Amino acid sequence: MVTLRYPNGNVYKKKPDKKNERKRGNIDRGNRGMSLEKDIEDTNTHYQITGKAIFNKRPTPIQVLKVKDNQICSAYFQEPSTVDFYGVYKGRYFDFEAKETQSKTSFPLKNIHAHQVQHMKNILAHKGESFLICRFVKLDKTYFLDAKYVIEYWNGMLSGERKSIPLDSFKENGIEIQFTYLAKVDYLPIIDRLYL
């Protein structure tokens, strides 16, 4: 086991992510307690190691104001980030947002931001592909939904017609992503099916 150290010699200790831990009843899953983003990061690592695709987590741009003993003490977000992940697969550009919801019936549109939807629109306008991966935590189900549906529901929210994307829409217009051991959120087969 490798011990990570800061430049000053102090040992790096990863803190447990209590915020994203969740109970899944009596369902026995290898990824219990892990967040959707972590599952996607593990999947992306698998894709990269096996040479299938290159996808990365987009860092949120921050401006560091104060550092003490090699720790950031004060910082602020420079600008809103766009979507969570971006990458290239079979010569095509893709990016996507990852969200979780505790609801059993819908994904609240308040959980996605206007600048993220605008970014999806911009990607589509430039012939890239964009989508949403949404996990319904209490149902233990994860869905892939093309950006055109996200944009359609977002426009419905702006006109006062919608507040959420119903689970039924994920079932009808999206595709459920099955859990697998190595690629926990194996979305490449869905990209193959929908876009390539």
C-alpha atoms as a PDB file:
ATOM      1  CA  MET A   1       0.000   0.000   0.000  1.00  0.00           C
ATOM      2  CA  VAL A   2       1.314   3.417  -0.977  1.00  0.00           C
ATOM      3  CA  THR A   3       1.412   6.140   1.650  1.00  0.00           C
ATOM      4  CA  LEU A   4       0.678   9.543   0.173  1.00  0.00           C
ATOM      5  CA  ARG A   5       2.366  12.526   1.751  1.00  0.00           C
ATOM      6  CA  TYR A   6       2.062  16.265   1.406  1.00  0.00           C
ATOM      7  CA  PRO A   7       5.250  18.137   0.439  1.00  0.00           C
ATOM      8  CA  ASN A   8       5.779  19.010   4.130  1.00  0.00           C
ATOM      9  CA  GLY A   9       5.879  15.284   4.981  1.00  0.00           C
ATOM     10  CA  ASN A  10       2.453  14.995   6.604  1.00  0.00           C
ATOM     11  CA  VAL A  11       0.522  11.856   5.681  1.00  0.00           C
ATOM     12  CA  TYR A  12      -2.544  12.353   3.477  1.00  0.00           C
ATOM     13  CA  LYS A  13      -5.629  10.726   4.992  1.00  0.00           C
ATOM     14  CA  LYS A  14      -8.773  10.513   2.894  1.00  0.00           C
ATOM     15  CA  LYS A  15     -11.844  11.425   4.886  1.00  0.00           C
ATOM     16  CA  PRO A  16     -14.899   9.184   4.519  1.00  0.00           C
ATOM     17  CA  ASP A  17     -17.607  10.698   2.300  1.00  0.00           C
ATOM     18  CA  LYS A  18     -20.526  10.419   4.733  1.00  0.00           C
ATOM     19  CA  LYS A  19     -22.674  12.795   2.662  1.00  0.00           C
ATOM     20  CA  ASN A  20     -22.902  10.370  -0.257  1.00  0.00           C
ATOM     21  CA  GLU A  21     -23.256   7.160   1.703  1.00  0.00           C
ATOM     22  CA  ARG A  22     -26.695   5.649   1.392  1.00  0.00           C
ATOM     23  CA  LYS A  23     -28.651   2.609   2.439  1.00  0.00           C
ATOM     24  CA  ARG A  24     -30.037   0.277  -0.193  1.00  0.00           C
ATOM     25  CA  GLY A  25     -32.165  -1.965   1.963  1.00  0.00           C
ATOM     26  CA  ASN A  26     -31.241  -5.627   1.714  1.00  0.00           C
ATOM     27  CA  ILE A  27     -29.849  -5.325  -1.816  1.00  0.00           C
ATOM     28  CA  ASP A  28     -26.368  -6.801  -1.917  1.00  0.00           C
ATOM     29  CA  ARG A  29     -24.270  -4.668  -4.275  1.00  0.00           C
ATOM     30  CA  GLY A  30     -20.542  -4.269  -4.596  1.00  0.00           C
ATOM     31  CA  ASN A  31     -20.909  -0.499  -4.886  1.00  0.00           C
ATOM     32  CA  ARG A  32     -23.049   0.068  -1.807  1.00  0.00           C
ATOM     33  CA  GLY A  33     -22.332   3.416  -0.185  1.00  0.00           C
ATOM     34  CA  MET A  34     -20.663   4.914  -3.225  1.00  0.00           C
ATOM     35  CA  SER A  35     -21.905   8.001  -4.992  1.00  0.00           C
ATOM     36  CA  LEU A  36     -22.857   8.045  -8.659  1.00  0.00           C
ATOM     37  CA  GLU A  37     -19.909  10.301  -9.511  1.00  0.00           C
ATOM     38  CA  LYS A  38     -17.481   7.918  -7.814  1.00  0.00           C
ATOM     39  CA  ASP A  39     -18.995   4.970  -9.690  1.00  0.00           C
ATOM     40  CA  ILE A  40     -18.602   6.878 -12.965  1.00  0.00           C
ATOM     41  CA  GLU A  41     -15.011   7.806 -12.137  1.00  0.00           C
ATOM     42  CA  ASP A  42     -14.256   4.110 -11.506  1.00  0.00           C
ATOM     43  CA  THR A  43     -15.961   3.227 -14.797  1.00  0.00           C
ATOM     44  CA  ASN A  44     -13.945   5.872 -16.649  1.00  0.00           C
ATOM     45  CA  THR A  45     -10.720   4.503 -15.156  1.00  0.00           C
ATOM     46  CA  HIS A  46     -11.696   1.047 -16.447  1.00  0.00           C
ATOM     47  CA  TYR A  47     -12.413   2.480 -19.906  1.00  0.00           C
ATOM     48  CA  GLN A  48      -9.051   4.241 -19.946  1.00  0.00           C
ATOM     49  CA  ILE A  49      -7.039   1.222 -18.727  1.00  0.00           C
ATOM     50  CA  THR A  50      -8.674  -1.057 -21.294  1.00  0.00           C
ATOM     51  CA  GLY A  51      -8.208   1.489 -24.090  1.00  0.00           C
ATOM     52  CA  LYS A  52     -11.939   1.818 -24.806  1.00  0.00           C
ATOM     53  CA  ALA A  53     -12.382   5.566 -24.263  1.00  0.00           C
ATOM     54  CA  ILE A  54     -11.034   8.652 -22.543  1.00  0.00           C
ATOM     55  CA  PHE A  55     -13.484  10.371 -20.186  1.00  0.00           C
ATOM     56  CA  ASN A  56     -12.528  12.733 -17.377  1.00  0.00           C
ATOM     57  CA  LYS A  57     -14.178  14.585 -14.520  1.00  0.00           C
ATOM     58  CA  ARG A  58     -14.237  18.291 -15.277  1.00  0.00           C
ATOM     59  CA  PRO A  59     -12.656  20.224 -12.418  1.00  0.00           C
ATOM     60  CA  THR A  60     -14.521  23.168 -10.950  1.00  0.00           C
ATOM     61  CA  PRO A  61     -12.398  26.284 -11.513  1.00  0.00           C
ATOM     62  CA  ILE A  62     -11.330  27.808  -8.191  1.00  0.00           C
ATOM     63  CA  GLN A  63      -9.182  30.755  -7.206  1.00  0.00           C
ATOM     64  CA  VAL A  64      -6.963  30.021  -4.215  1.00  0.00           C
ATOM     65  CA  LEU A  65      -6.675  32.960  -1.812  1.00  0.00           C
ATOM     66  CA  LYS A  66      -4.712  31.556   1.106  1.00  0.00           C
ATOM     67  CA  VAL A  67      -2.505  28.497   1.670  1.00  0.00           C
ATOM     68  CA  LYS A  68      -1.070  27.470   5.042  1.00  0.00           C
ATOM     69  CA  ASP A  69       1.084  24.389   5.627  1.00  0.00           C
ATOM     70  CA  ASN A  70       0.309  23.179   2.092  1.00  0.00           C
ATOM     71  CA  GLN A  71      -3.429  23.289   2.733  1.00  0.00           C
ATOM     72  CA  ILE A  72      -5.867  25.586   1.016  1.00  0.00           C
ATOM     73  CA  CYS A  73      -7.452  27.710   3.726  1.00  0.00           C
ATOM     74  CA  SER A  74      -9.429  30.096   1.569  1.00  0.00           C
ATOM     75  CA  ALA A  75     -10.689  29.868  -2.005  1.00  0.00           C
ATOM     76  CA  TYR A  76     -13.685  30.741  -4.130  1.00  0.00           C
ATOM     77  CA  PHE A  77     -15.312  29.424  -7.297  1.00  0.00           C
ATOM     78  CA  GLN A  78     -14.187  31.553 -10.246  1.00  0.00           C
ATOM     79  CA  GLU A  79     -17.154  30.663 -12.439  1.00  0.00           C
ATOM     80  CA  PRO A  80     -19.866  28.013 -12.599  1.00  0.00           C
ATOM     81  CA  SER A  81     -18.695  24.709 -14.010  1.00  0.00           C
ATOM     82  CA  THR A  82     -20.468  23.268 -17.035  1.00  0.00           C
ATOM     83  CA  VAL A  83     -21.230  19.537 -16.799  1.00  0.00           C
ATOM     84  CA  ASP A  84     -19.452  16.865 -14.778  1.00  0.00           C
ATOM     85  CA  PHE A  85     -17.711  14.696 -17.393  1.00  0.00           C
ATOM     86  CA  TYR A  86     -16.302  15.013 -20.892  1.00  0.00           C
ATOM     87  CA  GLY A  87     -14.417  12.752 -23.258  1.00  0.00           C
ATOM     88  CA  VAL A  88     -13.774  11.152 -26.597  1.00  0.00           C
ATOM     89  CA  TYR A  89     -15.026   7.783 -27.786  1.00  0.00           C
ATOM     90  CA  LYS A  90     -14.547   6.381 -31.297  1.00  0.00           C
ATOM     91  CA  GLY A  91     -13.528   9.798 -32.593  1.00  0.00           C
ATOM     92  CA  ARG A  92     -16.599  11.599 -31.236  1.00  0.00           C
ATOM     93  CA  TYR A  93     -16.875  14.175 -28.444  1.00  0.00           C
ATOM     94  CA  PHE A  94     -19.289  13.539 -25.570  1.00  0.00           C
ATOM     95  CA  ASP A  95     -20.042  15.256 -22.324  1.00  0.00           C
ATOM     96  CA  PHE A  96     -22.581  14.600 -19.612  1.00  0.00           C
ATOM     97  CA  GLU A  97     -23.963  15.546 -16.249  1.00  0.00           C
ATOM     98  CA  ALA A  98     -24.362  13.036 -13.389  1.00  0.00           C
ATOM     99  CA  LYS A  99     -27.142  13.530 -10.836  1.00  0.00           C
ATOM    100  CA  GLU A 100     -28.742  11.563  -8.027  1.00  0.00           C
ATOM    101  CA  THR A 101     -32.259  11.916  -6.692  1.00  0.00           C
ATOM    102  CA  GLN A 102     -33.890  10.529  -3.570  1.00  0.00           C
ATOM    103  CA  SER A 103     -37.320  10.697  -5.234  1.00  0.00           C
ATOM    104  CA  LYS A 104     -38.925   7.447  -6.340  1.00  0.00           C
ATOM    105  CA  THR A 105     -41.073   9.107  -9.003  1.00  0.00           C
ATOM    106  CA  SER A 106     -39.150  11.928 -10.696  1.00  0.00           C
ATOM    107  CA  PHE A 107     -35.958  13.947 -11.085  1.00  0.00           C
ATOM    108  CA  PRO A 108     -36.496  17.546  -9.852  1.00  0.00           C
ATOM    109  CA  LEU A 109     -35.381  20.047 -12.490  1.00  0.00           C
ATOM    110  CA  LYS A 110     -34.171  22.394  -9.730  1.00  0.00           C
ATOM    111  CA  ASN A 111     -31.241  19.948  -9.377  1.00  0.00           C
ATOM    112  CA  ILE A 112     -29.819  21.038 -12.716  1.00  0.00           C
ATOM    113  CA  HIS A 113     -28.723  24.618 -13.480  1.00  0.00           C
ATOM    114  CA  ALA A 114     -29.487  26.922 -16.394  1.00  0.00           C
ATOM    115  CA  HIS A 115     -25.807  27.202 -17.386  1.00  0.00           C
ATOM    116  CA  GLN A 116     -25.566  23.391 -17.553  1.00  0.00           C
ATOM    117  CA  VAL A 117     -28.577  23.159 -19.867  1.00  0.00           C
ATOM    118  CA  GLN A 118     -27.146  25.970 -22.009  1.00  0.00           C
ATOM    119  CA  HIS A 119     -23.856  24.059 -22.197  1.00  0.00           C
ATOM    120  CA  MET A 120     -25.719  20.957 -23.394  1.00  0.00           C
ATOM    121  CA  LYS A 121     -27.426  23.073 -26.079  1.00  0.00           C
ATOM    122  CA  ASN A 122     -24.044  24.471 -27.176  1.00  0.00           C
ATOM    123  CA  ILE A 123     -22.511  20.986 -27.428  1.00  0.00           C
ATOM    124  CA  LEU A 124     -25.414  19.768 -29.581  1.00  0.00           C
ATOM    125  CA  ALA A 125     -25.152  22.875 -31.795  1.00  0.00           C
ATOM    126  CA  HIS A 126     -21.511  21.995 -32.506  1.00  0.00           C
ATOM    127  CA  LYS A 127     -22.328  18.367 -33.408  1.00  0.00           C
ATOM    128  CA  GLY A 128     -21.112  16.920 -30.127  1.00  0.00           C
ATOM    129  CA  GLU A 129     -23.286  14.661 -27.976  1.00  0.00           C
ATOM    130  CA  SER A 130     -24.506  15.339 -24.457  1.00  0.00           C
ATOM    131  CA  PHE A 131     -26.623  13.430 -21.964  1.00  0.00           C
ATOM    132  CA  LEU A 132     -27.654  13.009 -18.350  1.00  0.00           C
ATOM    133  CA  ILE A 133     -26.940  10.000 -16.169  1.00  0.00           C
ATOM    134  CA  CYS A 134     -29.389   9.982 -13.281  1.00  0.00           C
ATOM    135  CA  ARG A 135     -29.498   7.589 -10.341  1.00  0.00           C
ATOM    136  CA  PHE A 136     -32.744   7.057  -8.475  1.00  0.00           C
ATOM    137  CA  VAL A 137     -31.083   6.142  -5.191  1.00  0.00           C
ATOM    138  CA  LYS A 138     -34.074   4.639  -3.378  1.00  0.00           C
ATOM    139  CA  LEU A 139     -34.965   2.516  -6.419  1.00  0.00           C
ATOM    140  CA  ASP A 140     -31.338   1.488  -7.003  1.00  0.00           C
ATOM    141  CA  LYS A 141     -31.750   2.325 -10.705  1.00  0.00           C
ATOM    142  CA  THR A 142     -29.536   4.418 -12.964  1.00  0.00           C
ATOM    143  CA  TYR A 143     -30.711   5.863 -16.281  1.00  0.00           C
ATOM    144  CA  PHE A 144     -29.112   7.398 -19.361  1.00  0.00           C
ATOM    145  CA  LEU A 145     -31.163  10.238 -20.904  1.00  0.00           C
ATOM    146  CA  ASP A 146     -30.186  12.146 -24.046  1.00  0.00           C
ATOM    147  CA  ALA A 147     -29.768  15.929 -23.652  1.00  0.00           C
ATOM    148  CA  LYS A 148     -32.622  16.684 -26.062  1.00  0.00           C
ATOM    149  CA  TYR A 149     -35.077  15.336 -23.458  1.00  0.00           C
ATOM    150  CA  VAL A 150     -33.399  17.265 -20.646  1.00  0.00           C
ATOM    151  CA  ILE A 151     -33.661  20.453 -22.736  1.00  0.00           C
ATOM    152  CA  GLU A 152     -37.307  19.702 -23.592  1.00  0.00           C
ATOM    153  CA  TYR A 153     -38.243  19.283 -19.920  1.00  0.00           C
ATOM    154  CA  TRP A 154     -36.164  22.337 -18.950  1.00  0.00           C
ATOM    155  CA  ASN A 155     -38.113  24.444 -21.466  1.00  0.00           C
ATOM    156  CA  GLY A 156     -41.315  23.038 -19.939  1.00  0.00           C
ATOM    157  CA  MET A 157     -40.138  24.213 -16.527  1.00  0.00           C
ATOM    158  CA  LEU A 158     -39.430  27.709 -17.862  1.00  0.00           C
ATOM    159  CA  SER A 159     -42.963  27.915 -19.273  1.00  0.00           C
ATOM    160  CA  GLY A 160     -44.432  26.729 -15.947  1.00  0.00           C
ATOM    161  CA  GLU A 161     -45.585  23.355 -17.278  1.00  0.00           C
ATOM    162  CA  ARG A 162     -43.008  21.168 -15.501  1.00  0.00           C
ATOM    163  CA  LYS A 163     -41.068  20.921 -12.260  1.00  0.00           C
ATOM    164  CA  SER A 164     -39.457  17.540 -12.838  1.00  0.00           C
ATOM    165  CA  ILE A 165     -38.669  14.767 -15.290  1.00  0.00           C
ATOM    166  CA  PRO A 166     -40.952  11.825 -14.407  1.00  0.00           C
ATOM    167  CA  LEU A 167     -39.448   8.391 -13.862  1.00  0.00           C
ATOM    168  CA  ASP A 168     -41.718   7.176 -16.669  1.00  0.00           C
ATOM    169  CA  SER A 169     -39.886   9.476 -19.089  1.00  0.00           C
ATOM    170  CA  PHE A 170     -36.565   7.895 -18.099  1.00  0.00           C
ATOM    171  CA  LYS A 171     -38.132   4.498 -18.778  1.00  0.00           C
ATOM    172  CA  GLU A 172     -39.679   5.535 -22.116  1.00  0.00           C
ATOM    173  CA  ASN A 173     -37.028   7.878 -23.543  1.00  0.00           C
ATOM    174  CA  GLY A 174     -33.932   6.766 -21.673  1.00  0.00           C
ATOM    175  CA  ILE A 175     -32.124   3.511 -21.079  1.00  0.00           C
ATOM    176  CA  GLU A 176     -31.456   1.850 -17.741  1.00  0.00           C
ATOM    177  CA  ILE A 177     -27.751   1.298 -17.095  1.00  0.00           C
ATOM    178  CA  GLN A 178     -27.054  -2.095 -15.572  1.00  0.00           C
ATOM    179  CA  PHE A 179     -24.505  -2.421 -12.772  1.00  0.00           C
ATOM    180  CA  THR A 180     -21.429  -4.448 -13.721  1.00  0.00           C
ATOM    181  CA  TYR A 181     -18.395  -5.235 -11.615  1.00  0.00           C
ATOM    182  CA  LEU A 182     -15.635  -3.538 -13.635  1.00  0.00           C
ATOM    183  CA  ALA A 183     -17.666  -0.818 -15.325  1.00  0.00           C
ATOM    184  CA  LYS A 184     -20.123   0.072 -12.577  1.00  0.00           C
ATOM    185  CA  VAL A 185     -21.984   2.554 -14.782  1.00  0.00           C
ATOM    186  CA  ASP A 186     -21.300   0.990 -18.189  1.00  0.00           C
ATOM    187  CA  TYR A 187     -22.631   3.692 -20.510  1.00  0.00           C
ATOM    188  CA  LEU A 188     -20.510   2.965 -23.627  1.00  0.00           C
ATOM    189  CA  PRO A 189     -22.905   0.268 -24.956  1.00  0.00           C
ATOM    190  CA  ILE A 190     -25.679   2.878 -24.782  1.00  0.00           C
ATOM    191  CA  ILE A 191     -23.544   5.427 -26.667  1.00  0.00           C
ATOM    192  CA  ASP A 192     -22.905   2.744 -29.312  1.00  0.00           C
ATOM    193  CA  ARG A 193     -26.624   2.086 -29.592  1.00  0.00           C
ATOM    194  CA  LEU A 194     -27.811   5.722 -29.700  1.00  0.00           C
ATOM    195  CA  TYR A 195     -25.069   7.670 -31.440  1.00  0.00           C
ATOM    196  CA  LEU A 196     -22.699   5.404 -33.379  1.00  0.00           C
END
